[in-house]
């Protein structure tokens, strides 16, 4: 599934005004995405993360791009008990929740509640079902393909994602329609600084 980059830049620019950004993308071209966003949103410091098998590809993109606001990638699996950071000022993740199992998605929100700073934003991009229904025939076909690759993966229900988020202290700020039958969910950590 391809990320449509130009609409992303417009959306991310309004939400990530100055924060360093902890980026997580499981997409094949994760390095390409990180470089594109870092180039077009130079006021944001990007910290790409991905599973260990994807790190070499991200490094190749970064070596070519030579962007000062793009940090070397860190290895991260959302199920890791300890993430490679002390805290997160803002987070962007693309095309991840639908390739994860429901248990992994729950773990993602558990970890996010621990690491995301008070009042910080997380932007979550991908396809979602609403009221138990696909938003398009192409999403239905994509979901079937996902489940043929891994029976635990699949497009998640927006209502369940919202429950996981709100039950961990996040507020839904925006649910933005994006190209190719995808959405950009923007949630904010409602906890107060200690």
C-alpha atoms as a PDB file:
ATOM      1  CA  UNK A   1       0.000   0.000   0.000  1.00  0.00           C
ATOM      2  CA  UNK A   2       1.499   3.293  -1.125  1.00  0.00           C
ATOM      3  CA  UNK A   3       1.636   6.430   0.995  1.00  0.00           C
ATOM      4  CA  UNK A   4       0.404   9.472  -0.913  1.00  0.00           C
ATOM      5  CA  UNK A   5       3.077  11.916   0.191  1.00  0.00           C
ATOM      6  CA  UNK A   6       1.849  15.386  -0.799  1.00  0.00           C
ATOM      7  CA  UNK A   7      -1.416  15.247   1.214  1.00  0.00           C
ATOM      8  CA  UNK A   8       0.647  13.910   4.112  1.00  0.00           C
ATOM      9  CA  UNK A   9       2.947  16.886   4.096  1.00  0.00           C
ATOM     10  CA  UNK A  10      -0.005  19.263   4.190  1.00  0.00           C
ATOM     11  CA  UNK A  11      -1.589  17.402   7.097  1.00  0.00           C
ATOM     12  CA  UNK A  12       1.582  16.771   9.093  1.00  0.00           C
ATOM     13  CA  UNK A  13       2.701  20.391   8.695  1.00  0.00           C
ATOM     14  CA  UNK A  14      -0.371  21.598  10.568  1.00  0.00           C
ATOM     15  CA  UNK A  15       0.025  19.107  13.426  1.00  0.00           C
ATOM     16  CA  UNK A  16       3.794  18.928  13.810  1.00  0.00           C
ATOM     17  CA  UNK A  17       4.711  22.566  14.053  1.00  0.00           C
ATOM     18  CA  UNK A  18       8.035  22.235  15.882  1.00  0.00           C
ATOM     19  CA  UNK A  19       8.225  18.933  17.720  1.00  0.00           C
ATOM     20  CA  UNK A  20      10.909  16.310  17.162  1.00  0.00           C
ATOM     21  CA  UNK A  21       9.152  13.393  15.524  1.00  0.00           C
ATOM     22  CA  UNK A  22       9.498   9.737  16.396  1.00  0.00           C
ATOM     23  CA  UNK A  23       8.493   8.023  13.187  1.00  0.00           C
ATOM     24  CA  UNK A  24       7.460   4.416  12.823  1.00  0.00           C
ATOM     25  CA  UNK A  25       6.684   2.910   9.487  1.00  0.00           C
ATOM     26  CA  UNK A  26       6.533  -0.711   8.488  1.00  0.00           C
ATOM     27  CA  UNK A  27       6.163   0.129   4.825  1.00  0.00           C
ATOM     28  CA  UNK A  28       8.697  -1.309   2.391  1.00  0.00           C
ATOM     29  CA  UNK A  29       9.862   2.186   1.479  1.00  0.00           C
ATOM     30  CA  UNK A  30      10.113   3.396   5.090  1.00  0.00           C
ATOM     31  CA  UNK A  31      13.470   5.041   4.356  1.00  0.00           C
ATOM     32  CA  UNK A  32      12.015   6.779   1.323  1.00  0.00           C
ATOM     33  CA  UNK A  33       9.106   8.115   3.391  1.00  0.00           C
ATOM     34  CA  UNK A  34      11.349   9.371   6.188  1.00  0.00           C
ATOM     35  CA  UNK A  35      13.601  11.168   3.698  1.00  0.00           C
ATOM     36  CA  UNK A  36      10.653  12.702   1.849  1.00  0.00           C
ATOM     37  CA  UNK A  37       9.021  14.044   5.012  1.00  0.00           C
ATOM     38  CA  UNK A  38      12.322  15.273   6.459  1.00  0.00           C
ATOM     39  CA  UNK A  39      13.068  17.129   3.219  1.00  0.00           C
ATOM     40  CA  UNK A  40       9.614  18.738   2.998  1.00  0.00           C
ATOM     41  CA  UNK A  41       9.171  19.405   6.728  1.00  0.00           C
ATOM     42  CA  UNK A  42      12.667  20.642   7.633  1.00  0.00           C
ATOM     43  CA  UNK A  43      11.527  22.187  10.932  1.00  0.00           C
ATOM     44  CA  UNK A  44      10.808  18.694  12.288  1.00  0.00           C
ATOM     45  CA  UNK A  45      13.536  16.397  13.596  1.00  0.00           C
ATOM     46  CA  UNK A  46      12.709  12.879  12.410  1.00  0.00           C
ATOM     47  CA  UNK A  47      13.698   9.740  14.299  1.00  0.00           C
ATOM     48  CA  UNK A  48      12.805   6.803  12.044  1.00  0.00           C
ATOM     49  CA  UNK A  49      12.247   3.411  13.600  1.00  0.00           C
ATOM     50  CA  UNK A  50      11.473   0.006  12.180  1.00  0.00           C
ATOM     51  CA  UNK A  51      12.017  -3.668  12.730  1.00  0.00           C
ATOM     52  CA  UNK A  52      15.629  -4.825  12.478  1.00  0.00           C
ATOM     53  CA  UNK A  53      15.268  -6.381   9.014  1.00  0.00           C
ATOM     54  CA  UNK A  54      14.243  -2.997   7.538  1.00  0.00           C
ATOM     55  CA  UNK A  55      17.009  -0.857   9.080  1.00  0.00           C
ATOM     56  CA  UNK A  56      19.641  -1.429   6.314  1.00  0.00           C
ATOM     57  CA  UNK A  57      17.226  -0.146   3.658  1.00  0.00           C
ATOM     58  CA  UNK A  58      16.430   2.959   5.705  1.00  0.00           C
ATOM     59  CA  UNK A  59      20.161   3.615   6.121  1.00  0.00           C
ATOM     60  CA  UNK A  60      20.692   3.485   2.351  1.00  0.00           C
ATOM     61  CA  UNK A  61      18.001   6.116   1.778  1.00  0.00           C
ATOM     62  CA  UNK A  62      19.445   8.318   4.517  1.00  0.00           C
ATOM     63  CA  UNK A  63      23.010   8.064   3.212  1.00  0.00           C
ATOM     64  CA  UNK A  64      21.826   9.321  -0.157  1.00  0.00           C
ATOM     65  CA  UNK A  65      19.584  12.069   1.255  1.00  0.00           C
ATOM     66  CA  UNK A  66      22.093  13.594   3.719  1.00  0.00           C
ATOM     67  CA  UNK A  67      19.429  15.484   5.705  1.00  0.00           C
ATOM     68  CA  UNK A  68      20.428  17.149   8.970  1.00  0.00           C
ATOM     69  CA  UNK A  69      16.960  16.767  10.503  1.00  0.00           C
ATOM     70  CA  UNK A  70      16.894  12.995   9.967  1.00  0.00           C
ATOM     71  CA  UNK A  71      18.463  10.926  12.728  1.00  0.00           C
ATOM     72  CA  UNK A  72      19.889   7.429  12.176  1.00  0.00           C
ATOM     73  CA  UNK A  73      17.128   4.795  12.403  1.00  0.00           C
ATOM     74  CA  UNK A  74      16.508   2.876  15.607  1.00  0.00           C
ATOM     75  CA  UNK A  75      15.392  -0.718  15.800  1.00  0.00           C
ATOM     76  CA  UNK A  76      11.898  -1.031  17.241  1.00  0.00           C
ATOM     77  CA  UNK A  77       9.306  -3.749  17.432  1.00  0.00           C
ATOM     78  CA  UNK A  78       6.178  -2.482  19.189  1.00  0.00           C
ATOM     79  CA  UNK A  79       6.141  -5.626  21.313  1.00  0.00           C
ATOM     80  CA  UNK A  80       9.554  -4.793  22.800  1.00  0.00           C
ATOM     81  CA  UNK A  81       9.185  -4.301  26.546  1.00  0.00           C
ATOM     82  CA  UNK A  82      11.482  -1.268  26.356  1.00  0.00           C
ATOM     83  CA  UNK A  83      11.446   1.124  23.417  1.00  0.00           C
ATOM     84  CA  UNK A  84      14.725   2.799  22.353  1.00  0.00           C
ATOM     85  CA  UNK A  85      13.838   6.196  23.817  1.00  0.00           C
ATOM     86  CA  UNK A  86      13.075   7.884  27.110  1.00  0.00           C
ATOM     87  CA  UNK A  87      10.021   9.691  25.785  1.00  0.00           C
ATOM     88  CA  UNK A  88       8.325  10.709  22.546  1.00  0.00           C
ATOM     89  CA  UNK A  89       7.449  14.300  21.626  1.00  0.00           C
ATOM     90  CA  UNK A  90       5.310  13.298  18.632  1.00  0.00           C
ATOM     91  CA  UNK A  91       4.750  10.114  16.657  1.00  0.00           C
ATOM     92  CA  UNK A  92       3.813   9.260  13.098  1.00  0.00           C
ATOM     93  CA  UNK A  93       3.145   5.690  12.042  1.00  0.00           C
ATOM     94  CA  UNK A  94       2.060   4.538   8.612  1.00  0.00           C
ATOM     95  CA  UNK A  95       0.628   1.266   7.375  1.00  0.00           C
ATOM     96  CA  UNK A  96       1.334  -0.553  10.610  1.00  0.00           C
ATOM     97  CA  UNK A  97      -1.875  -1.373  12.475  1.00  0.00           C
ATOM     98  CA  UNK A  98      -3.352  -3.516   9.702  1.00  0.00           C
ATOM     99  CA  UNK A  99      -0.261  -5.728   9.513  1.00  0.00           C
ATOM    100  CA  UNK A 100      -0.279  -6.251  13.276  1.00  0.00           C
ATOM    101  CA  UNK A 101      -2.359  -8.677  15.292  1.00  0.00           C
ATOM    102  CA  UNK A 102      -5.007  -7.321  17.657  1.00  0.00           C
ATOM    103  CA  UNK A 103      -2.732  -8.164  20.608  1.00  0.00           C
ATOM    104  CA  UNK A 104       0.137  -6.230  19.008  1.00  0.00           C
ATOM    105  CA  UNK A 105      -2.118  -3.226  18.409  1.00  0.00           C
ATOM    106  CA  UNK A 106      -3.124  -3.291  22.076  1.00  0.00           C
ATOM    107  CA  UNK A 107       0.563  -3.444  23.054  1.00  0.00           C
ATOM    108  CA  UNK A 108       1.277  -0.512  20.734  1.00  0.00           C
ATOM    109  CA  UNK A 109      -1.238   1.641  22.615  1.00  0.00           C
ATOM    110  CA  UNK A 110       0.072   0.434  25.989  1.00  0.00           C
ATOM    111  CA  UNK A 111       3.612   1.481  25.041  1.00  0.00           C
ATOM    112  CA  UNK A 112       2.423   4.714  23.456  1.00  0.00           C
ATOM    113  CA  UNK A 113       0.622   5.660  26.675  1.00  0.00           C
ATOM    114  CA  UNK A 114       3.888   5.134  28.550  1.00  0.00           C
ATOM    115  CA  UNK A 115       6.271   6.920  26.173  1.00  0.00           C
ATOM    116  CA  UNK A 116       4.254   9.725  24.547  1.00  0.00           C
ATOM    117  CA  UNK A 117       4.751  12.988  26.417  1.00  0.00           C
ATOM    118  CA  UNK A 118       1.803  14.831  27.988  1.00  0.00           C
ATOM    119  CA  UNK A 119      -0.277  16.680  25.377  1.00  0.00           C
ATOM    120  CA  UNK A 120       1.846  15.177  22.573  1.00  0.00           C
ATOM    121  CA  UNK A 121       0.274  14.025  19.316  1.00  0.00           C
ATOM    122  CA  UNK A 122       0.364  10.707  17.508  1.00  0.00           C
ATOM    123  CA  UNK A 123      -0.687  10.460  13.859  1.00  0.00           C
ATOM    124  CA  UNK A 124      -1.755   7.021  12.661  1.00  0.00           C
ATOM    125  CA  UNK A 125      -2.192   6.432   8.937  1.00  0.00           C
ATOM    126  CA  UNK A 126      -3.844   3.497   7.226  1.00  0.00           C
ATOM    127  CA  UNK A 127      -7.148   1.897   6.274  1.00  0.00           C
ATOM    128  CA  UNK A 128      -9.872   1.405   8.889  1.00  0.00           C
ATOM    129  CA  UNK A 129     -13.335  -0.122   8.910  1.00  0.00           C
ATOM    130  CA  UNK A 130     -16.252   1.925  10.228  1.00  0.00           C
ATOM    131  CA  UNK A 131     -19.286   0.357  11.913  1.00  0.00           C
ATOM    132  CA  UNK A 132     -17.855  -3.048  11.023  1.00  0.00           C
ATOM    133  CA  UNK A 133     -17.851  -2.314   7.280  1.00  0.00           C
ATOM    134  CA  UNK A 134     -15.149  -1.719   4.710  1.00  0.00           C
ATOM    135  CA  UNK A 135     -14.981   1.786   3.281  1.00  0.00           C
ATOM    136  CA  UNK A 136     -14.338   0.469  -0.236  1.00  0.00           C
ATOM    137  CA  UNK A 137     -14.169  -2.704  -2.310  1.00  0.00           C
ATOM    138  CA  UNK A 138     -10.410  -2.231  -2.641  1.00  0.00           C
ATOM    139  CA  UNK A 139     -10.045  -2.250   1.161  1.00  0.00           C
ATOM    140  CA  UNK A 140     -12.088  -5.460   1.333  1.00  0.00           C
ATOM    141  CA  UNK A 141      -9.768  -7.088  -1.220  1.00  0.00           C
ATOM    142  CA  UNK A 142      -6.712  -5.747   0.595  1.00  0.00           C
ATOM    143  CA  UNK A 143      -7.978  -7.167   3.891  1.00  0.00           C
ATOM    144  CA  UNK A 144      -8.467 -10.593   2.293  1.00  0.00           C
ATOM    145  CA  UNK A 145      -4.920 -10.440   0.941  1.00  0.00           C
ATOM    146  CA  UNK A 146      -3.535  -9.429   4.362  1.00  0.00           C
ATOM    147  CA  UNK A 147      -5.274 -12.355   6.038  1.00  0.00           C
ATOM    148  CA  UNK A 148      -3.980 -14.746   3.379  1.00  0.00           C
ATOM    149  CA  UNK A 149      -0.452 -13.648   4.343  1.00  0.00           C
ATOM    150  CA  UNK A 150      -1.047 -13.732   8.093  1.00  0.00           C
ATOM    151  CA  UNK A 151      -4.362 -14.747   9.639  1.00  0.00           C
ATOM    152  CA  UNK A 152      -3.730 -12.432  12.617  1.00  0.00           C
ATOM    153  CA  UNK A 153      -3.410  -9.310  10.485  1.00  0.00           C
ATOM    154  CA  UNK A 154      -6.182  -7.324   8.843  1.00  0.00           C
ATOM    155  CA  UNK A 155      -7.850  -3.928   8.678  1.00  0.00           C
ATOM    156  CA  UNK A 156      -8.869  -2.826  12.155  1.00  0.00           C
ATOM    157  CA  UNK A 157     -12.181  -1.287  13.184  1.00  0.00           C
ATOM    158  CA  UNK A 158     -12.004   2.431  13.890  1.00  0.00           C
ATOM    159  CA  UNK A 159     -14.279   2.021  16.924  1.00  0.00           C
ATOM    160  CA  UNK A 160     -11.901  -0.500  18.504  1.00  0.00           C
ATOM    161  CA  UNK A 161      -8.884   1.726  17.823  1.00  0.00           C
ATOM    162  CA  UNK A 162     -10.741   4.645  19.397  1.00  0.00           C
ATOM    163  CA  UNK A 163     -11.551   2.515  22.452  1.00  0.00           C
ATOM    164  CA  UNK A 164      -7.912   1.437  22.832  1.00  0.00           C
ATOM    165  CA  UNK A 165      -6.792   5.049  22.553  1.00  0.00           C
ATOM    166  CA  UNK A 166      -9.351   6.657  24.873  1.00  0.00           C
ATOM    167  CA  UNK A 167      -9.051   3.943  27.507  1.00  0.00           C
ATOM    168  CA  UNK A 168      -5.348   4.833  27.752  1.00  0.00           C
ATOM    169  CA  UNK A 169      -5.874   8.564  28.107  1.00  0.00           C
ATOM    170  CA  UNK A 170      -5.814   9.727  24.486  1.00  0.00           C
ATOM    171  CA  UNK A 171      -8.310  12.075  22.877  1.00  0.00           C
ATOM    172  CA  UNK A 172      -9.206  11.885  19.205  1.00  0.00           C
ATOM    173  CA  UNK A 173      -8.295  15.247  17.662  1.00  0.00           C
ATOM    174  CA  UNK A 174      -8.994  14.462  13.991  1.00  0.00           C
ATOM    175  CA  UNK A 175     -10.092  11.680  11.688  1.00  0.00           C
ATOM    176  CA  UNK A 176      -8.993  12.848   8.251  1.00  0.00           C
ATOM    177  CA  UNK A 177      -9.997  11.283   4.953  1.00  0.00           C
ATOM    178  CA  UNK A 178      -6.898  10.585   2.872  1.00  0.00           C
ATOM    179  CA  UNK A 179      -6.409   9.355  -0.701  1.00  0.00           C
ATOM    180  CA  UNK A 180      -6.668   5.655  -1.609  1.00  0.00           C
ATOM    181  CA  UNK A 181      -9.360   4.896   1.017  1.00  0.00           C
ATOM    182  CA  UNK A 182      -7.059   5.601   3.945  1.00  0.00           C
ATOM    183  CA  UNK A 183      -7.386   7.769   7.029  1.00  0.00           C
ATOM    184  CA  UNK A 184      -5.114   9.828   9.222  1.00  0.00           C
ATOM    185  CA  UNK A 185      -6.100   9.534  12.876  1.00  0.00           C
ATOM    186  CA  UNK A 186      -4.644  12.201  15.145  1.00  0.00           C
ATOM    187  CA  UNK A 187      -4.750  11.474  18.860  1.00  0.00           C
ATOM    188  CA  UNK A 188      -3.428  13.520  21.761  1.00  0.00           C
ATOM    189  CA  UNK A 189      -2.139  12.328  25.089  1.00  0.00           C
ATOM    190  CA  UNK A 190      -4.436  13.977  27.640  1.00  0.00           C
ATOM    191  CA  UNK A 191      -2.259  13.290  30.666  1.00  0.00           C
ATOM    192  CA  UNK A 192      -0.835  16.277  32.501  1.00  0.00           C
ATOM    193  CA  UNK A 193       2.899  16.762  33.056  1.00  0.00           C
ATOM    194  CA  UNK A 194       4.085  15.359  36.379  1.00  0.00           C
END
